[in-house]
């Protein structure tokens, strides 16, 4: 049985893999971070399930402008095979004038342990400050 410290490290790994996969446009891999009925929720879109989440990201996140996601200040609460995490996030975009902060806020996450490890059950993006996000979304 993993210790609470081991579980928290494994959860942080999922949070960080999310950033790497989205920035590298590895959307199928990003989808696999979610449980079969996992939800991704943002103020401008939502999807349920790994394939739907991967498809949404494929539509919404263009190759340019380049972007990088950062996750920090994470607090994790464990309850057996369920966990809640709250993290600050920042997305930086590449622009002709250099790097530009795009959006920052809070990831409110519910995660669950499955036979293959920890997965998002729900990831909600709560925007605190928002500029140009460089996404292919329609209001």
C-alpha atoms as a PDB file:
ATOM      1  CA  UNK A   1       0.000   0.000   0.000  1.00  0.00           C
ATOM      2  CA  UNK A   2       1.491   3.374  -1.015  1.00  0.00           C
ATOM      3  CA  UNK A   3       2.112   5.944   1.696  1.00  0.00           C
ATOM      4  CA  UNK A   4       0.314   9.314   1.612  1.00  0.00           C
ATOM      5  CA  UNK A   5       3.600  10.851   0.459  1.00  0.00           C
ATOM      6  CA  UNK A   6       3.811   8.336  -2.425  1.00  0.00           C
ATOM      7  CA  UNK A   7       0.211   9.118  -3.428  1.00  0.00           C
ATOM      8  CA  UNK A   8       0.841  12.859  -3.380  1.00  0.00           C
ATOM      9  CA  UNK A   9       3.952  12.432  -5.537  1.00  0.00           C
ATOM     10  CA  UNK A  10       1.975  10.305  -8.015  1.00  0.00           C
ATOM     11  CA  UNK A  11      -0.781  12.936  -8.141  1.00  0.00           C
ATOM     12  CA  UNK A  12       1.737  15.732  -8.731  1.00  0.00           C
ATOM     13  CA  UNK A  13       3.114  13.640 -11.600  1.00  0.00           C
ATOM     14  CA  UNK A  14      -0.366  13.593 -13.204  1.00  0.00           C
ATOM     15  CA  UNK A  15      -0.708  17.370 -12.754  1.00  0.00           C
ATOM     16  CA  UNK A  16       2.684  17.962 -14.374  1.00  0.00           C
ATOM     17  CA  UNK A  17       2.116  15.460 -17.207  1.00  0.00           C
ATOM     18  CA  UNK A  18      -1.011  17.440 -18.098  1.00  0.00           C
ATOM     19  CA  UNK A  19       1.151  20.535 -18.704  1.00  0.00           C
ATOM     20  CA  UNK A  20       3.745  18.687 -20.787  1.00  0.00           C
ATOM     21  CA  UNK A  21       1.199  16.844 -22.937  1.00  0.00           C
ATOM     22  CA  UNK A  22      -0.872  19.937 -23.719  1.00  0.00           C
ATOM     23  CA  UNK A  23       2.222  22.016 -24.542  1.00  0.00           C
ATOM     24  CA  UNK A  24       3.568  19.254 -26.816  1.00  0.00           C
ATOM     25  CA  UNK A  25       0.171  18.748 -28.513  1.00  0.00           C
ATOM     26  CA  UNK A  26       0.064  15.119 -27.335  1.00  0.00           C
ATOM     27  CA  UNK A  27      -3.680  15.239 -26.877  1.00  0.00           C
ATOM     28  CA  UNK A  28      -4.342  11.471 -26.901  1.00  0.00           C
ATOM     29  CA  UNK A  29      -1.826  11.153 -24.044  1.00  0.00           C
ATOM     30  CA  UNK A  30      -3.490  14.082 -22.280  1.00  0.00           C
ATOM     31  CA  UNK A  31      -6.881  12.355 -22.598  1.00  0.00           C
ATOM     32  CA  UNK A  32      -5.449   9.229 -20.979  1.00  0.00           C
ATOM     33  CA  UNK A  33      -4.751  11.237 -17.819  1.00  0.00           C
ATOM     34  CA  UNK A  34      -8.541  11.284 -17.299  1.00  0.00           C
ATOM     35  CA  UNK A  35     -10.755   8.499 -15.961  1.00  0.00           C
ATOM     36  CA  UNK A  36     -13.194   6.909 -18.419  1.00  0.00           C
ATOM     37  CA  UNK A  37     -15.888   9.345 -17.235  1.00  0.00           C
ATOM     38  CA  UNK A  38     -13.450  12.137 -16.345  1.00  0.00           C
ATOM     39  CA  UNK A  39     -14.530  15.719 -16.968  1.00  0.00           C
ATOM     40  CA  UNK A  40     -12.530  18.702 -18.237  1.00  0.00           C
ATOM     41  CA  UNK A  41     -14.331  21.980 -17.510  1.00  0.00           C
ATOM     42  CA  UNK A  42     -13.370  25.537 -18.471  1.00  0.00           C
ATOM     43  CA  UNK A  43     -15.415  28.730 -18.722  1.00  0.00           C
ATOM     44  CA  UNK A  44     -15.500  28.359 -22.523  1.00  0.00           C
ATOM     45  CA  UNK A  45     -15.819  24.572 -23.075  1.00  0.00           C
ATOM     46  CA  UNK A  46     -16.226  21.173 -21.425  1.00  0.00           C
ATOM     47  CA  UNK A  47     -15.804  17.524 -22.357  1.00  0.00           C
ATOM     48  CA  UNK A  48     -16.246  14.120 -20.724  1.00  0.00           C
ATOM     49  CA  UNK A  49     -14.082  11.062 -21.310  1.00  0.00           C
ATOM     50  CA  UNK A  50     -10.531  10.690 -22.646  1.00  0.00           C
ATOM     51  CA  UNK A  51     -11.445  10.693 -26.369  1.00  0.00           C
ATOM     52  CA  UNK A  52     -13.781  13.696 -26.115  1.00  0.00           C
ATOM     53  CA  UNK A  53     -11.209  15.638 -24.092  1.00  0.00           C
ATOM     54  CA  UNK A  54      -8.459  14.816 -26.623  1.00  0.00           C
ATOM     55  CA  UNK A  55     -10.746  15.886 -29.500  1.00  0.00           C
ATOM     56  CA  UNK A  56     -11.637  19.156 -27.759  1.00  0.00           C
ATOM     57  CA  UNK A  57      -7.962  19.970 -27.185  1.00  0.00           C
ATOM     58  CA  UNK A  58      -7.108  19.077 -30.786  1.00  0.00           C
ATOM     59  CA  UNK A  59      -9.742  21.578 -31.987  1.00  0.00           C
ATOM     60  CA  UNK A  60      -9.003  24.332 -29.484  1.00  0.00           C
ATOM     61  CA  UNK A  61      -5.217  24.392 -28.990  1.00  0.00           C
ATOM     62  CA  UNK A  62      -3.361  25.469 -32.140  1.00  0.00           C
ATOM     63  CA  UNK A  63       0.333  24.848 -32.744  1.00  0.00           C
ATOM     64  CA  UNK A  64       0.938  28.597 -32.897  1.00  0.00           C
ATOM     65  CA  UNK A  65       1.280  30.664 -30.913  1.00  0.00           C
ATOM     66  CA  UNK A  66       3.553  28.510 -28.799  1.00  0.00           C
ATOM     67  CA  UNK A  67       2.480  28.185 -25.190  1.00  0.00           C
ATOM     68  CA  UNK A  68       3.720  26.780 -21.920  1.00  0.00           C
ATOM     69  CA  UNK A  69       1.632  25.785 -18.890  1.00  0.00           C
ATOM     70  CA  UNK A  70       2.936  26.060 -15.331  1.00  0.00           C
ATOM     71  CA  UNK A  71       1.341  24.484 -12.249  1.00  0.00           C
ATOM     72  CA  UNK A  72       2.399  25.563  -8.756  1.00  0.00           C
ATOM     73  CA  UNK A  73       1.325  25.968  -5.118  1.00  0.00           C
ATOM     74  CA  UNK A  74      -0.479  22.633  -5.130  1.00  0.00           C
ATOM     75  CA  UNK A  75      -2.368  21.469  -2.051  1.00  0.00           C
ATOM     76  CA  UNK A  76      -3.564  17.845  -2.081  1.00  0.00           C
ATOM     77  CA  UNK A  77      -6.118  16.222   0.241  1.00  0.00           C
ATOM     78  CA  UNK A  78      -6.291  12.410   0.232  1.00  0.00           C
ATOM     79  CA  UNK A  79      -9.298  10.260   1.069  1.00  0.00           C
ATOM     80  CA  UNK A  80      -8.478   6.643   0.245  1.00  0.00           C
ATOM     81  CA  UNK A  81      -8.669   6.163  -3.530  1.00  0.00           C
ATOM     82  CA  UNK A  82      -9.977   9.716  -4.020  1.00  0.00           C
ATOM     83  CA  UNK A  83      -8.112  12.997  -3.801  1.00  0.00           C
ATOM     84  CA  UNK A  84      -8.758  16.676  -4.260  1.00  0.00           C
ATOM     85  CA  UNK A  85      -6.068  19.065  -5.413  1.00  0.00           C
ATOM     86  CA  UNK A  86      -6.019  22.809  -5.826  1.00  0.00           C
ATOM     87  CA  UNK A  87      -3.209  24.465  -7.769  1.00  0.00           C
ATOM     88  CA  UNK A  88      -2.380  27.828  -9.241  1.00  0.00           C
ATOM     89  CA  UNK A  89      -1.671  27.826 -12.957  1.00  0.00           C
ATOM     90  CA  UNK A  90      -0.136  30.227 -15.451  1.00  0.00           C
ATOM     91  CA  UNK A  91      -0.053  29.952 -19.226  1.00  0.00           C
ATOM     92  CA  UNK A  92       2.532  31.959 -21.162  1.00  0.00           C
ATOM     93  CA  UNK A  93       2.205  32.597 -24.926  1.00  0.00           C
ATOM     94  CA  UNK A  94       4.851  33.356 -27.488  1.00  0.00           C
ATOM     95  CA  UNK A  95       4.250  36.631 -29.349  1.00  0.00           C
ATOM     96  CA  UNK A  96       6.135  38.880 -31.719  1.00  0.00           C
ATOM     97  CA  UNK A  97       7.022  41.080 -28.753  1.00  0.00           C
ATOM     98  CA  UNK A  98       8.288  38.202 -26.611  1.00  0.00           C
ATOM     99  CA  UNK A  99       6.533  36.115 -24.012  1.00  0.00           C
ATOM    100  CA  UNK A 100       3.113  37.226 -22.795  1.00  0.00           C
ATOM    101  CA  UNK A 101       1.196  35.966 -19.773  1.00  0.00           C
ATOM    102  CA  UNK A 102      -2.052  34.584 -21.186  1.00  0.00           C
ATOM    103  CA  UNK A 103      -4.205  33.332 -18.343  1.00  0.00           C
ATOM    104  CA  UNK A 104      -3.773  32.361 -14.715  1.00  0.00           C
ATOM    105  CA  UNK A 105      -6.046  30.970 -12.081  1.00  0.00           C
ATOM    106  CA  UNK A 106      -6.839  27.814 -10.168  1.00  0.00           C
ATOM    107  CA  UNK A 107      -7.088  24.183 -11.198  1.00  0.00           C
ATOM    108  CA  UNK A 108      -9.728  22.572  -8.972  1.00  0.00           C
ATOM    109  CA  UNK A 109      -9.165  18.834  -9.364  1.00  0.00           C
ATOM    110  CA  UNK A 110     -10.787  15.638  -8.192  1.00  0.00           C
ATOM    111  CA  UNK A 111      -8.641  12.575  -8.844  1.00  0.00           C
ATOM    112  CA  UNK A 112      -9.239   8.870  -8.419  1.00  0.00           C
ATOM    113  CA  UNK A 113      -6.946   5.908  -8.094  1.00  0.00           C
ATOM    114  CA  UNK A 114      -7.575   3.170 -10.657  1.00  0.00           C
ATOM    115  CA  UNK A 115      -5.757  -0.082 -11.311  1.00  0.00           C
ATOM    116  CA  UNK A 116      -3.450   1.905 -13.634  1.00  0.00           C
ATOM    117  CA  UNK A 117      -2.745   4.750 -11.182  1.00  0.00           C
ATOM    118  CA  UNK A 118      -4.160   8.188 -10.444  1.00  0.00           C
ATOM    119  CA  UNK A 119      -6.399   9.905 -13.018  1.00  0.00           C
ATOM    120  CA  UNK A 120      -8.442  13.082 -13.188  1.00  0.00           C
ATOM    121  CA  UNK A 121     -12.079  12.501 -12.356  1.00  0.00           C
ATOM    122  CA  UNK A 122     -12.707  16.216 -12.801  1.00  0.00           C
ATOM    123  CA  UNK A 123     -10.417  19.093 -13.776  1.00  0.00           C
ATOM    124  CA  UNK A 124     -11.953  22.543 -13.602  1.00  0.00           C
ATOM    125  CA  UNK A 125     -10.122  25.646 -14.765  1.00  0.00           C
ATOM    126  CA  UNK A 126     -11.089  28.738 -12.807  1.00  0.00           C
ATOM    127  CA  UNK A 127      -9.725  31.807 -14.568  1.00  0.00           C
ATOM    128  CA  UNK A 128      -8.614  34.590 -12.224  1.00  0.00           C
ATOM    129  CA  UNK A 129      -6.817  36.857 -14.708  1.00  0.00           C
ATOM    130  CA  UNK A 130      -7.151  36.451 -18.455  1.00  0.00           C
ATOM    131  CA  UNK A 131      -5.641  38.064 -21.524  1.00  0.00           C
ATOM    132  CA  UNK A 132      -5.379  36.779 -25.082  1.00  0.00           C
ATOM    133  CA  UNK A 133      -5.411  32.991 -24.856  1.00  0.00           C
ATOM    134  CA  UNK A 134      -4.560  32.178 -28.485  1.00  0.00           C
ATOM    135  CA  UNK A 135      -7.156  29.394 -28.671  1.00  0.00           C
ATOM    136  CA  UNK A 136      -9.559  28.348 -31.426  1.00  0.00           C
ATOM    137  CA  UNK A 137     -12.718  28.923 -29.414  1.00  0.00           C
ATOM    138  CA  UNK A 138     -15.920  30.704 -30.241  1.00  0.00           C
ATOM    139  CA  UNK A 139     -17.813  32.633 -27.601  1.00  0.00           C
END
